[in-house]
Amino acid sequence: MQQLMRGFEAGDSALIFEAFRKDGIVVGHSATTGKLVTLTAEEWAEGFPGKPAADEDQRHRSYEILDVTDEVAMVKVRLDYPGWDGVDYLALLKIDGRWQIVSKSWGGKRKPAAT
């Protein structure tokens, strides 16, 4: 999880893929289109520019490990960004002795622009 957080902070998909499987799945619901959004982790990671976001100093993230067994874990990630208030639920599996994120379900809402 710490590696994923570093990837978010740096805007670096290479760091993210140290924790998230490239063949993982990302699912959410777009309030804008009213449709379910399903992406591969590779498609989702295209949104990371390889550098921190311009407002990175205003973005706050935290995570909570909800449950862990020998082979499976569930984590809740809170995202408090200037324009977004969201939550991700991450499913992790221990594959070949290493924890890997295999899916991410997200939800949230846009915040009004600061004046």
PDB file of N, CA and C in Angstrom:
ATOM      1  N   MET A   1       0.831  -1.194   0.000  1.00  0.00           N
ATOM      2  CA  MET A   1       0.000   0.000   0.000  1.00  0.00           C
ATOM      3  C   MET A   1       0.870   1.250   0.000  1.00  0.00           C
ATOM      4  N   GLN A   2       1.974   1.191   0.721  1.00  0.00           N
ATOM      5  CA  GLN A   2       2.861   2.354   0.740  1.00  0.00           C
ATOM      6  C   GLN A   2       3.418   2.631  -0.656  1.00  0.00           C
ATOM      7  N   GLN A   3       3.706   1.582  -1.412  1.00  0.00           N
ATOM      8  CA  GLN A   3       4.203   1.752  -2.776  1.00  0.00           C
ATOM      9  C   GLN A   3       3.134   2.399  -3.654  1.00  0.00           C
ATOM     10  N   LEU A   4       1.888   1.988  -3.508  1.00  0.00           N
ATOM     11  CA  LEU A   4       0.799   2.593  -4.272  1.00  0.00           C
ATOM     12  C   LEU A   4       0.674   4.071  -3.930  1.00  0.00           C
ATOM     13  N   MET A   5       0.749   4.408  -2.656  1.00  0.00           N
ATOM     14  CA  MET A   5       0.658   5.812  -2.243  1.00  0.00           C
ATOM     15  C   MET A   5       1.796   6.631  -2.854  1.00  0.00           C
ATOM     16  N   ARG A   6       2.996   6.076  -2.881  1.00  0.00           N
ATOM     17  CA  ARG A   6       4.132   6.777  -3.507  1.00  0.00           C
ATOM     18  C   ARG A   6       3.875   6.978  -4.996  1.00  0.00           C
ATOM     19  N   GLY A   7       3.277   5.985  -5.644  1.00  0.00           N
ATOM     20  CA  GLY A   7       2.942   6.111  -7.057  1.00  0.00           C
ATOM     21  C   GLY A   7       1.927   7.206  -7.310  1.00  0.00           C
ATOM     22  N   PHE A   8       0.894   7.286  -6.459  1.00  0.00           N
ATOM     23  CA  PHE A   8      -0.085   8.374  -6.565  1.00  0.00           C
ATOM     24  C   PHE A   8       0.603   9.722  -6.419  1.00  0.00           C
ATOM     25  N   GLU A   9       1.420   9.860  -5.375  1.00  0.00           N
ATOM     26  CA  GLU A   9       2.097  11.136  -5.096  1.00  0.00           C
ATOM     27  C   GLU A   9       2.988  11.564  -6.260  1.00  0.00           C
ATOM     28  N   ALA A  10       3.696  10.612  -6.847  1.00  0.00           N
ATOM     29  CA  ALA A  10       4.626  10.922  -7.930  1.00  0.00           C
ATOM     30  C   ALA A  10       3.939  10.986  -9.295  1.00  0.00           C
ATOM     31  N   GLY A  11       2.685  10.510  -9.363  1.00  0.00           N
ATOM     32  CA  GLY A  11       2.002  10.435 -10.654  1.00  0.00           C
ATOM     33  C   GLY A  11       2.696   9.460 -11.593  1.00  0.00           C
ATOM     34  N   ASP A  12       3.260   8.402 -11.013  1.00  0.00           N
ATOM     35  CA  ASP A  12       4.141   7.498 -11.743  1.00  0.00           C
ATOM     36  C   ASP A  12       3.538   6.092 -11.818  1.00  0.00           C
ATOM     37  N   SER A  13       3.124   5.696 -13.011  1.00  0.00           N
ATOM     38  CA  SER A  13       2.505   4.374 -13.173  1.00  0.00           C
ATOM     39  C   SER A  13       3.504   3.249 -12.918  1.00  0.00           C
ATOM     40  N   ALA A  14       4.793   3.464 -13.162  1.00  0.00           N
ATOM     41  CA  ALA A  14       5.786   2.419 -12.892  1.00  0.00           C
ATOM     42  C   ALA A  14       5.796   2.071 -11.406  1.00  0.00           C
ATOM     43  N   LEU A  15       5.698   3.073 -10.546  1.00  0.00           N
ATOM     44  CA  LEU A  15       5.634   2.817  -9.102  1.00  0.00           C
ATOM     45  C   LEU A  15       4.332   2.114  -8.737  1.00  0.00           C
ATOM     46  N   ILE A  16       3.247   2.536  -9.363  1.00  0.00           N
ATOM     47  CA  ILE A  16       1.947   1.927  -9.085  1.00  0.00           C
ATOM     48  C   ILE A  16       1.965   0.443  -9.450  1.00  0.00           C
ATOM     49  N   PHE A  17       2.597   0.102 -10.577  1.00  0.00           N
ATOM     50  CA  PHE A  17       2.604  -1.288 -11.012  1.00  0.00           C
ATOM     51  C   PHE A  17       3.537  -2.167 -10.182  1.00  0.00           C
ATOM     52  N   GLU A  18       4.271  -1.589  -9.263  1.00  0.00           N
ATOM     53  CA  GLU A  18       5.003  -2.417  -8.305  1.00  0.00           C
ATOM     54  C   GLU A  18       4.034  -3.017  -7.281  1.00  0.00           C
ATOM     55  N   ALA A  19       2.837  -2.438  -7.178  1.00  0.00           N
ATOM     56  CA  ALA A  19       1.812  -2.927  -6.250  1.00  0.00           C
ATOM     57  C   ALA A  19       0.578  -3.469  -6.981  1.00  0.00           C
ATOM     58  N   PHE A  20       0.248  -2.911  -8.117  1.00  0.00           N
ATOM     59  CA  PHE A  20      -0.986  -3.211  -8.853  1.00  0.00           C
ATOM     60  C   PHE A  20      -0.638  -4.063 -10.066  1.00  0.00           C
ATOM     61  N   ARG A  21      -1.304  -5.190 -10.218  1.00  0.00           N
ATOM     62  CA  ARG A  21      -1.074  -6.030 -11.405  1.00  0.00           C
ATOM     63  C   ARG A  21      -1.545  -5.303 -12.652  1.00  0.00           C
ATOM     64  N   LYS A  22      -0.770  -5.388 -13.716  1.00  0.00           N
ATOM     65  CA  LYS A  22      -1.155  -4.737 -14.973  1.00  0.00           C
ATOM     66  C   LYS A  22      -2.431  -5.342 -15.541  1.00  0.00           C
ATOM     67  N   ASP A  23      -2.690  -6.614 -15.239  1.00  0.00           N
ATOM     68  CA  ASP A  23      -3.912  -7.245 -15.721  1.00  0.00           C
ATOM     69  C   ASP A  23      -5.058  -7.114 -14.718  1.00  0.00           C
ATOM     70  N   GLY A  24      -4.878  -6.262 -13.723  1.00  0.00           N
ATOM     71  CA  GLY A  24      -5.941  -5.989 -12.758  1.00  0.00           C
ATOM     72  C   GLY A  24      -7.078  -5.200 -13.392  1.00  0.00           C
ATOM     73  N   ILE A  25      -8.153  -5.039 -12.644  1.00  0.00           N
ATOM     74  CA  ILE A  25      -9.365  -4.393 -13.141  1.00  0.00           C
ATOM     75  C   ILE A  25      -9.708  -3.185 -12.270  1.00  0.00           C
ATOM     76  N   VAL A  26     -10.197  -2.122 -12.931  1.00  0.00           N
ATOM     77  CA  VAL A  26     -10.653  -0.914 -12.248  1.00  0.00           C
ATOM     78  C   VAL A  26     -12.105  -0.686 -12.659  1.00  0.00           C
ATOM     79  N   VAL A  27     -12.993  -0.549 -11.658  1.00  0.00           N
ATOM     80  CA  VAL A  27     -14.427  -0.402 -11.917  1.00  0.00           C
ATOM     81  C   VAL A  27     -14.977   0.756 -11.099  1.00  0.00           C
ATOM     82  N   GLY A  28     -15.834   1.552 -11.721  1.00  0.00           N
ATOM     83  CA  GLY A  28     -16.510   2.637 -11.015  1.00  0.00           C
ATOM     84  C   GLY A  28     -17.735   3.072 -11.795  1.00  0.00           C
ATOM     85  N   HIS A  29     -18.438   4.044 -11.240  1.00  0.00           N
ATOM     86  CA  HIS A  29     -19.630   4.572 -11.900  1.00  0.00           C
ATOM     87  C   HIS A  29     -19.417   6.051 -12.166  1.00  0.00           C
ATOM     88  N   SER A  30     -19.561   6.449 -13.405  1.00  0.00           N
ATOM     89  CA  SER A  30     -19.387   7.848 -13.785  1.00  0.00           C
ATOM     90  C   SER A  30     -20.703   8.596 -13.618  1.00  0.00           C
ATOM     91  N   ALA A  31     -20.715   9.565 -12.712  1.00  0.00           N
ATOM     92  CA  ALA A  31     -21.911  10.400 -12.543  1.00  0.00           C
ATOM     93  C   ALA A  31     -22.128  11.265 -13.778  1.00  0.00           C
ATOM     94  N   THR A  32     -21.052  11.599 -14.478  1.00  0.00           N
ATOM     95  CA  THR A  32     -21.144  12.435 -15.676  1.00  0.00           C
ATOM     96  C   THR A  32     -21.897  11.717 -16.794  1.00  0.00           C
ATOM     97  N   THR A  33     -21.526  10.457 -17.044  1.00  0.00           N
ATOM     98  CA  THR A  33     -22.166   9.725 -18.137  1.00  0.00           C
ATOM     99  C   THR A  33     -23.305   8.834 -17.660  1.00  0.00           C
ATOM    100  N   GLY A  34     -23.360   8.581 -16.352  1.00  0.00           N
ATOM    101  CA  GLY A  34     -24.371   7.685 -15.816  1.00  0.00           C
ATOM    102  C   GLY A  34     -24.108   6.226 -16.136  1.00  0.00           C
ATOM    103  N   LYS A  35     -22.863   5.919 -16.491  1.00  0.00           N
ATOM    104  CA  LYS A  35     -22.531   4.561 -16.909  1.00  0.00           C
ATOM    105  C   LYS A  35     -21.457   3.950 -16.024  1.00  0.00           C
ATOM    106  N   LEU A  36     -21.445   2.620 -16.028  1.00  0.00           N
ATOM    107  CA  LEU A  36     -20.391   1.877 -15.372  1.00  0.00           C
ATOM    108  C   LEU A  36     -19.123   2.001 -16.206  1.00  0.00           C
ATOM    109  N   VAL A  37     -18.002   2.251 -15.536  1.00  0.00           N
ATOM    110  CA  VAL A  37     -16.713   2.369 -16.203  1.00  0.00           C
ATOM    111  C   VAL A  37     -15.875   1.162 -15.791  1.00  0.00           C
ATOM    112  N   THR A  38     -15.401   0.407 -16.762  1.00  0.00           N
ATOM    113  CA  THR A  38     -14.540  -0.744 -16.499  1.00  0.00           C
ATOM    114  C   THR A  38     -13.283  -0.594 -17.343  1.00  0.00           C
ATOM    115  N   LEU A  39     -12.138  -0.610 -16.672  1.00  0.00           N
ATOM    116  CA  LEU A  39     -10.855  -0.450 -17.343  1.00  0.00           C
ATOM    117  C   LEU A  39      -9.895  -1.531 -16.869  1.00  0.00           C
ATOM    118  N   THR A  40      -8.907  -1.840 -17.693  1.00  0.00           N
ATOM    119  CA  THR A  40      -7.797  -2.630 -17.186  1.00  0.00           C
ATOM    120  C   THR A  40      -6.926  -1.680 -16.369  1.00  0.00           C
ATOM    121  N   ALA A  41      -6.097  -2.228 -15.526  1.00  0.00           N
ATOM    122  CA  ALA A  41      -5.185  -1.384 -14.743  1.00  0.00           C
ATOM    123  C   ALA A  41      -4.271  -0.596 -15.669  1.00  0.00           C
ATOM    124  N   GLU A  42      -3.859  -1.190 -16.777  1.00  0.00           N
ATOM    125  CA  GLU A  42      -3.000  -0.475 -17.729  1.00  0.00           C
ATOM    126  C   GLU A  42      -3.730   0.722 -18.338  1.00  0.00           C
ATOM    127  N   GLU A  43      -4.999   0.559 -18.691  1.00  0.00           N
ATOM    128  CA  GLU A  43      -5.774   1.680 -19.236  1.00  0.00           C
ATOM    129  C   GLU A  43      -5.921   2.787 -18.194  1.00  0.00           C
ATOM    130  N   TRP A  44      -6.223   2.396 -16.959  1.00  0.00           N
ATOM    131  CA  TRP A  44      -6.382   3.365 -15.873  1.00  0.00           C
ATOM    132  C   TRP A  44      -5.085   4.135 -15.641  1.00  0.00           C
ATOM    133  N   ALA A  45      -3.958   3.436 -15.684  1.00  0.00           N
ATOM    134  CA  ALA A  45      -2.667   4.053 -15.393  1.00  0.00           C
ATOM    135  C   ALA A  45      -2.220   5.031 -16.475  1.00  0.00           C
ATOM    136  N   GLU A  46      -2.862   5.017 -17.638  1.00  0.00           N
ATOM    137  CA  GLU A  46      -2.528   5.999 -18.673  1.00  0.00           C
ATOM    138  C   GLU A  46      -2.791   7.419 -18.191  1.00  0.00           C
ATOM    139  N   GLY A  47      -3.630   7.574 -17.158  1.00  0.00           N
ATOM    140  CA  GLY A  47      -3.933   8.888 -16.606  1.00  0.00           C
ATOM    141  C   GLY A  47      -2.850   9.457 -15.709  1.00  0.00           C
ATOM    142  N   PHE A  48      -1.779   8.707 -15.480  1.00  0.00           N
ATOM    143  CA  PHE A  48      -0.683   9.188 -14.648  1.00  0.00           C
ATOM    144  C   PHE A  48       0.402   9.772 -15.551  1.00  0.00           C
ATOM    145  N   PRO A  49       0.687  11.065 -15.400  1.00  0.00           N
ATOM    146  CA  PRO A  49       1.578  11.753 -16.346  1.00  0.00           C
ATOM    147  C   PRO A  49       3.074  11.516 -16.142  1.00  0.00           C
ATOM    148  N   GLY A  50       3.464  10.794 -15.090  1.00  0.00           N
ATOM    149  CA  GLY A  50       4.885  10.590 -14.833  1.00  0.00           C
ATOM    150  C   GLY A  50       5.505  11.682 -13.984  1.00  0.00           C
ATOM    151  N   LYS A  51       4.658  12.555 -13.458  1.00  0.00           N
ATOM    152  CA  LYS A  51       5.118  13.616 -12.561  1.00  0.00           C
ATOM    153  C   LYS A  51       3.983  13.935 -11.599  1.00  0.00           C
ATOM    154  N   PRO A  52       4.289  14.548 -10.451  1.00  0.00           N
ATOM    155  CA  PRO A  52       3.225  14.877  -9.498  1.00  0.00           C
ATOM    156  C   PRO A  52       2.201  15.841 -10.101  1.00  0.00           C
ATOM    157  N   ALA A  53       0.974  15.737  -9.624  1.00  0.00           N
ATOM    158  CA  ALA A  53      -0.072  16.666 -10.047  1.00  0.00           C
ATOM    159  C   ALA A  53       0.295  18.076  -9.583  1.00  0.00           C
ATOM    160  N   ALA A  54      -0.151  19.072 -10.319  1.00  0.00           N
ATOM    161  CA  ALA A  54       0.152  20.460  -9.968  1.00  0.00           C
ATOM    162  C   ALA A  54      -0.344  20.808  -8.570  1.00  0.00           C
ATOM    163  N   ASP A  55      -1.434  20.176  -8.141  1.00  0.00           N
ATOM    164  CA  ASP A  55      -1.997  20.456  -6.812  1.00  0.00           C
ATOM    165  C   ASP A  55      -1.674  19.358  -5.796  1.00  0.00           C
ATOM    166  N   GLU A  56      -0.590  18.603  -6.025  1.00  0.00           N
ATOM    167  CA  GLU A  56      -0.253  17.475  -5.154  1.00  0.00           C
ATOM    168  C   GLU A  56      -0.161  17.875  -3.689  1.00  0.00           C
ATOM    169  N   ASP A  57       0.328  19.074  -3.409  1.00  0.00           N
ATOM    170  CA  ASP A  57       0.454  19.511  -2.014  1.00  0.00           C
ATOM    171  C   ASP A  57      -0.898  19.684  -1.329  1.00  0.00           C
ATOM    172  N   GLN A  58      -1.986  19.717  -2.102  1.00  0.00           N
ATOM    173  CA  GLN A  58      -3.331  19.863  -1.540  1.00  0.00           C
ATOM    174  C   GLN A  58      -4.104  18.540  -1.529  1.00  0.00           C
ATOM    175  N   ARG A  59      -3.499  17.490  -2.018  1.00  0.00           N
ATOM    176  CA  ARG A  59      -4.158  16.186  -2.082  1.00  0.00           C
ATOM    177  C   ARG A  59      -3.825  15.392  -0.827  1.00  0.00           C
ATOM    178  N   HIS A  60      -4.837  14.785  -0.259  1.00  0.00           N
ATOM    179  CA  HIS A  60      -4.654  13.998   0.955  1.00  0.00           C
ATOM    180  C   HIS A  60      -5.197  12.593   0.716  1.00  0.00           C
ATOM    181  N   ARG A  61      -4.395  11.610   1.086  1.00  0.00           N
ATOM    182  CA  ARG A  61      -4.776  10.211   0.922  1.00  0.00           C
ATOM    183  C   ARG A  61      -4.501   9.462   2.217  1.00  0.00           C
ATOM    184  N   SER A  62      -5.353   8.510   2.488  1.00  0.00           N
ATOM    185  CA  SER A  62      -5.112   7.624   3.624  1.00  0.00           C
ATOM    186  C   SER A  62      -5.714   6.269   3.268  1.00  0.00           C
ATOM    187  N   TYR A  63      -5.261   5.254   3.979  1.00  0.00           N
ATOM    188  CA  TYR A  63      -5.833   3.938   3.726  1.00  0.00           C
ATOM    189  C   TYR A  63      -6.031   3.198   5.038  1.00  0.00           C
ATOM    190  N   GLU A  64      -6.957   2.261   4.970  1.00  0.00           N
ATOM    191  CA  GLU A  64      -7.301   1.434   6.119  1.00  0.00           C
ATOM    192  C   GLU A  64      -7.401  -0.006   5.635  1.00  0.00           C
ATOM    193  N   ILE A  65      -6.671  -0.889   6.270  1.00  0.00           N
ATOM    194  CA  ILE A  65      -6.759  -2.304   5.940  1.00  0.00           C
ATOM    195  C   ILE A  65      -8.012  -2.846   6.620  1.00  0.00           C
ATOM    196  N   LEU A  66      -8.985  -3.263   5.820  1.00  0.00           N
ATOM    197  CA  LEU A  66     -10.266  -3.706   6.354  1.00  0.00           C
ATOM    198  C   LEU A  66     -10.249  -5.163   6.804  1.00  0.00           C
ATOM    199  N   ASP A  67      -9.530  -6.001   6.067  1.00  0.00           N
ATOM    200  CA  ASP A  67      -9.491  -7.417   6.408  1.00  0.00           C
ATOM    201  C   ASP A  67      -8.285  -8.052   5.731  1.00  0.00           C
ATOM    202  N   VAL A  68      -7.674  -9.001   6.415  1.00  0.00           N
ATOM    203  CA  VAL A  68      -6.535  -9.729   5.870  1.00  0.00           C
ATOM    204  C   VAL A  68      -6.643 -11.186   6.302  1.00  0.00           C
ATOM    205  N   THR A  69      -6.476 -12.086   5.338  1.00  0.00           N
ATOM    206  CA  THR A  69      -6.322 -13.502   5.638  1.00  0.00           C
ATOM    207  C   THR A  69      -4.929 -13.893   5.136  1.00  0.00           C
ATOM    208  N   ASP A  70      -4.648 -15.160   5.102  1.00  0.00           N
ATOM    209  CA  ASP A  70      -3.335 -15.592   4.610  1.00  0.00           C
ATOM    210  C   ASP A  70      -3.115 -15.239   3.140  1.00  0.00           C
ATOM    211  N   GLU A  71      -4.188 -15.184   2.354  1.00  0.00           N
ATOM    212  CA  GLU A  71      -4.052 -15.036   0.904  1.00  0.00           C
ATOM    213  C   GLU A  71      -4.826 -13.860   0.300  1.00  0.00           C
ATOM    214  N   VAL A  72      -5.734 -13.248   1.064  1.00  0.00           N
ATOM    215  CA  VAL A  72      -6.614 -12.215   0.522  1.00  0.00           C
ATOM    216  C   VAL A  72      -6.681 -11.037   1.491  1.00  0.00           C
ATOM    217  N   ALA A  73      -6.758  -9.814   0.922  1.00  0.00           N
ATOM    218  CA  ALA A  73      -6.910  -8.626   1.771  1.00  0.00           C
ATOM    219  C   ALA A  73      -7.826  -7.626   1.075  1.00  0.00           C
ATOM    220  N   MET A  74      -8.470  -6.775   1.880  1.00  0.00           N
ATOM    221  CA  MET A  74      -9.315  -5.704   1.369  1.00  0.00           C
ATOM    222  C   MET A  74      -8.890  -4.404   2.047  1.00  0.00           C
ATOM    223  N   VAL A  75      -8.681  -3.365   1.236  1.00  0.00           N
ATOM    224  CA  VAL A  75      -8.202  -2.087   1.738  1.00  0.00           C
ATOM    225  C   VAL A  75      -9.113  -0.969   1.244  1.00  0.00           C
ATOM    226  N   LYS A  76      -9.390  -0.015   2.112  1.00  0.00           N
ATOM    227  CA  LYS A  76     -10.168   1.178   1.763  1.00  0.00           C
ATOM    228  C   LYS A  76      -9.211   2.364   1.692  1.00  0.00           C
ATOM    229  N   VAL A  77      -9.242   3.077   0.562  1.00  0.00           N
ATOM    230  CA  VAL A  77      -8.398   4.244   0.360  1.00  0.00           C
ATOM    231  C   VAL A  77      -9.299   5.472   0.262  1.00  0.00           C
ATOM    232  N   ARG A  78      -9.000   6.477   1.074  1.00  0.00           N
ATOM    233  CA  ARG A  78      -9.740   7.743   1.015  1.00  0.00           C
ATOM    234  C   ARG A  78      -8.919   8.755   0.219  1.00  0.00           C
ATOM    235  N   LEU A  79      -9.583   9.426  -0.710  1.00  0.00           N
ATOM    236  CA  LEU A  79      -8.943  10.417  -1.568  1.00  0.00           C
ATOM    237  C   LEU A  79      -9.634  11.758  -1.368  1.00  0.00           C
ATOM    238  N   ASP A  80      -8.929  12.697  -0.795  1.00  0.00           N
ATOM    239  CA  ASP A  80      -9.459  14.051  -0.568  1.00  0.00           C
ATOM    240  C   ASP A  80      -8.613  15.007  -1.402  1.00  0.00           C
ATOM    241  N   TYR A  81      -9.109  15.306  -2.597  1.00  0.00           N
ATOM    242  CA  TYR A  81      -8.400  16.173  -3.531  1.00  0.00           C
ATOM    243  C   TYR A  81      -9.158  17.492  -3.631  1.00  0.00           C
ATOM    244  N   PRO A  82      -8.521  18.535  -4.122  1.00  0.00           N
ATOM    245  CA  PRO A  82      -9.233  19.814  -4.256  1.00  0.00           C
ATOM    246  C   PRO A  82     -10.535  19.704  -5.059  1.00  0.00           C
ATOM    247  N   GLY A  83     -10.572  18.893  -6.104  1.00  0.00           N
ATOM    248  CA  GLY A  83     -11.783  18.775  -6.912  1.00  0.00           C
ATOM    249  C   GLY A  83     -12.508  17.459  -6.796  1.00  0.00           C
ATOM    250  N   TRP A  84     -12.083  16.607  -5.854  1.00  0.00           N
ATOM    251  CA  TRP A  84     -12.648  15.254  -5.793  1.00  0.00           C
ATOM    252  C   TRP A  84     -12.616  14.732  -4.363  1.00  0.00           C
ATOM    253  N   ASP A  85     -13.695  14.114  -3.965  1.00  0.00           N
ATOM    254  CA  ASP A  85     -13.771  13.433  -2.674  1.00  0.00           C
ATOM    255  C   ASP A  85     -14.172  11.997  -2.987  1.00  0.00           C
ATOM    256  N   GLY A  86     -13.228  11.061  -2.845  1.00  0.00           N
ATOM    257  CA  GLY A  86     -13.515   9.714  -3.292  1.00  0.00           C
ATOM    258  C   GLY A  86     -13.024   8.631  -2.357  1.00  0.00           C
ATOM    259  N   VAL A  87     -13.463   7.429  -2.682  1.00  0.00           N
ATOM    260  CA  VAL A  87     -13.073   6.234  -1.942  1.00  0.00           C
ATOM    261  C   VAL A  87     -12.783   5.138  -2.961  1.00  0.00           C
ATOM    262  N   ASP A  88     -11.682   4.433  -2.748  1.00  0.00           N
ATOM    263  CA  ASP A  88     -11.348   3.250  -3.519  1.00  0.00           C
ATOM    264  C   ASP A  88     -11.397   2.049  -2.579  1.00  0.00           C
ATOM    265  N   TYR A  89     -11.885   0.943  -3.085  1.00  0.00           N
ATOM    266  CA  TYR A  89     -11.782  -0.335  -2.374  1.00  0.00           C
ATOM    267  C   TYR A  89     -10.866  -1.211  -3.213  1.00  0.00           C
ATOM    268  N   LEU A  90      -9.794  -1.679  -2.601  1.00  0.00           N
ATOM    269  CA  LEU A  90      -8.803  -2.476  -3.304  1.00  0.00           C
ATOM    270  C   LEU A  90      -8.830  -3.913  -2.808  1.00  0.00           C
ATOM    271  N   ALA A  91      -8.860  -4.844  -3.745  1.00  0.00           N
ATOM    272  CA  ALA A  91      -8.745  -6.266  -3.409  1.00  0.00           C
ATOM    273  C   ALA A  91      -7.312  -6.689  -3.719  1.00  0.00           C
ATOM    274  N   LEU A  92      -6.683  -7.336  -2.748  1.00  0.00           N
ATOM    275  CA  LEU A  92      -5.317  -7.820  -2.910  1.00  0.00           C
ATOM    276  C   LEU A  92      -5.289  -9.329  -2.739  1.00  0.00           C
ATOM    277  N   LEU A  93      -4.433  -9.956  -3.511  1.00  0.00           N
ATOM    278  CA  LEU A  93      -4.181 -11.383  -3.379  1.00  0.00           C
ATOM    279  C   LEU A  93      -2.692 -11.586  -3.158  1.00  0.00           C
ATOM    280  N   LYS A  94      -2.355 -12.587  -2.379  1.00  0.00           N
ATOM    281  CA  LYS A  94      -0.952 -12.958  -2.237  1.00  0.00           C
ATOM    282  C   LYS A  94      -0.657 -13.992  -3.316  1.00  0.00           C
ATOM    283  N   ILE A  95       0.137 -13.569  -4.297  1.00  0.00           N
ATOM    284  CA  ILE A  95       0.474 -14.406  -5.442  1.00  0.00           C
ATOM    285  C   ILE A  95       1.983 -14.620  -5.431  1.00  0.00           C
ATOM    286  N   ASP A  96       2.392 -15.873  -5.429  1.00  0.00           N
ATOM    287  CA  ASP A  96       3.824 -16.209  -5.370  1.00  0.00           C
ATOM    288  C   ASP A  96       4.514 -15.524  -4.192  1.00  0.00           C
ATOM    289  N   GLY A  97       3.799 -15.467  -3.049  1.00  0.00           N
ATOM    290  CA  GLY A  97       4.366 -14.905  -1.829  1.00  0.00           C
ATOM    291  C   GLY A  97       4.395 -13.392  -1.762  1.00  0.00           C
ATOM    292  N   ARG A  98       3.790 -12.707  -2.730  1.00  0.00           N
ATOM    293  CA  ARG A  98       3.833 -11.244  -2.787  1.00  0.00           C
ATOM    294  C   ARG A  98       2.415 -10.676  -2.891  1.00  0.00           C
ATOM    295  N   TRP A  99       2.098  -9.672  -2.043  1.00  0.00           N
ATOM    296  CA  TRP A  99       0.798  -9.021  -2.107  1.00  0.00           C
ATOM    297  C   TRP A  99       0.712  -8.185  -3.380  1.00  0.00           C
ATOM    298  N   GLN A 100      -0.408  -8.351  -4.102  1.00  0.00           N
ATOM    299  CA  GLN A 100      -0.635  -7.605  -5.331  1.00  0.00           C
ATOM    300  C   GLN A 100      -2.089  -7.146  -5.389  1.00  0.00           C
ATOM    301  N   ILE A 101      -2.282  -5.919  -5.826  1.00  0.00           N
ATOM    302  CA  ILE A 101      -3.639  -5.398  -6.023  1.00  0.00           C
ATOM    303  C   ILE A 101      -4.163  -5.994  -7.323  1.00  0.00           C
ATOM    304  N   VAL A 102      -5.347  -6.613  -7.251  1.00  0.00           N
ATOM    305  CA  VAL A 102      -5.931  -7.233  -8.441  1.00  0.00           C
ATOM    306  C   VAL A 102      -7.174  -6.496  -8.932  1.00  0.00           C
ATOM    307  N   SER A 103      -7.792  -5.694  -8.040  1.00  0.00           N
ATOM    308  CA  SER A 103      -8.945  -4.912  -8.486  1.00  0.00           C
ATOM    309  C   SER A 103      -9.120  -3.677  -7.620  1.00  0.00           C
ATOM    310  N   LYS A 104      -9.722  -2.677  -8.259  1.00  0.00           N
ATOM    311  CA  LYS A 104     -10.007  -1.403  -7.596  1.00  0.00           C
ATOM    312  C   LYS A 104     -11.410  -0.996  -7.996  1.00  0.00           C
ATOM    313  N   SER A 105     -12.257  -0.779  -7.011  1.00  0.00           N
ATOM    314  CA  SER A 105     -13.596  -0.226  -7.256  1.00  0.00           C
ATOM    315  C   SER A 105     -13.611   1.160  -6.646  1.00  0.00           C
ATOM    316  N   TRP A 106     -14.075   2.134  -7.394  1.00  0.00           N
ATOM    317  CA  TRP A 106     -14.022   3.503  -6.907  1.00  0.00           C
ATOM    318  C   TRP A 106     -15.395   4.164  -6.952  1.00  0.00           C
ATOM    319  N   GLY A 107     -15.525   5.171  -6.138  1.00  0.00           N
ATOM    320  CA  GLY A 107     -16.701   6.017  -6.113  1.00  0.00           C
ATOM    321  C   GLY A 107     -16.315   7.359  -5.528  1.00  0.00           C
ATOM    322  N   GLY A 108     -17.119   8.347  -5.775  1.00  0.00           N
ATOM    323  CA  GLY A 108     -16.843   9.661  -5.221  1.00  0.00           C
ATOM    324  C   GLY A 108     -17.674  10.722  -5.901  1.00  0.00           C
ATOM    325  N   LYS A 109     -17.364  11.947  -5.538  1.00  0.00           N
ATOM    326  CA  LYS A 109     -18.099  13.061  -6.138  1.00  0.00           C
ATOM    327  C   LYS A 109     -17.153  14.236  -6.329  1.00  0.00           C
ATOM    328  N   ARG A 110     -17.471  14.997  -7.315  1.00  0.00           N
ATOM    329  CA  ARG A 110     -16.715  16.214  -7.590  1.00  0.00           C
ATOM    330  C   ARG A 110     -17.030  17.249  -6.525  1.00  0.00           C
ATOM    331  N   LYS A 111     -16.015  18.016  -6.148  1.00  0.00           N
ATOM    332  CA  LYS A 111     -16.210  19.123  -5.212  1.00  0.00           C
ATOM    333  C   LYS A 111     -16.370  20.403  -6.029  1.00  0.00           C
ATOM    334  N   PRO A 112     -17.141  21.330  -5.522  1.00  0.00           N
ATOM    335  CA  PRO A 112     -17.248  22.600  -6.229  1.00  0.00           C
ATOM    336  C   PRO A 112     -15.889  23.297  -6.272  1.00  0.00           C
ATOM    337  N   ALA A 113     -15.635  24.018  -7.337  1.00  0.00           N
ATOM    338  CA  ALA A 113     -14.368  24.739  -7.475  1.00  0.00           C
ATOM    339  C   ALA A 113     -14.239  25.770  -6.377  1.00  0.00           C
ATOM    340  N   ALA A 114     -13.041  25.861  -5.804  1.00  0.00           N
ATOM    341  CA  ALA A 114     -12.780  26.863  -4.763  1.00  0.00           C
ATOM    342  C   ALA A 114     -12.773  28.249  -5.377  1.00  0.00           C
ATOM    343  N   THR A 115     -13.307  29.185  -4.628  1.00  0.00           N
ATOM    344  CA  THR A 115     -13.338  30.563  -5.149  1.00  0.00           C
ATOM    345  C   THR A 115     -12.420  31.457  -4.376  1.00  0.00           C
TER     346      THR A 115
END
